[in-house]
Amino acid sequence: MNKLSSIKISNLLFNLFLFIFFTLTGVNFISMGLKSINTFNMFTKLEEDGTIHKGIVIEKPKKDIRGVDMADSFAYFIKYSFNTLDKNEQFINQVEVRKEIFDQYSLGLPINIKYLPENPIYSDLINGDEAKLHNYQMYFQIIIGIICIIFVPIIYTIKIIKYIKSYKVNPIIT
């Protein structure tokens, strides 16, 4: 095998790798986008159909996020537990809040929450700082996924076909 052939084969393998990489990346982005849409729909339903109830603050964790370009170097969370009204099942949830909200709550004190009776894992604090998901983020993920699955692999498929066509096999003369 000559040097030109090995270069073409390495280019072919590299393009195959990129084809597979972008296809898997696209599938991942679409999956994340669909999960985000589901979560967005559940929080929209929570806002419209949720049951207001009392919970108890059980923990107030702070996460160090130094290195992230933000004014404050911590992310603040309120972890709370509540029992459902209908089945008296206990659920625990944690939500990220602004520092001002974080400072308002103390461990062991009651907290106003809203939860979905049919799916209590979806709950949120009632404090004017409820979780807000942005539509554009989920649609952006899906669009990037489609680009990665459709357009980028087409480009690499064309390159792969071009390399295969340019690779000439010398017939064996007997």
Foldseek 3Di string as FASTA:
>chain_A
DDPVVVVLVVVLVVLVVLLVVLLVLLVVLLVVLVVLVVLQVQVVCQVVPWDKDKKFFADKDWAQQPVPPDPDRIWIKTKIWDADPPPRDIDIDMDTFDVVVSVVDDGGDMFIKIADNVDRVDMFGPDVGTDDDDNVSSVVSNVSSCCSNPVSSVVSVVVSVVSVVVDDDDDDDD
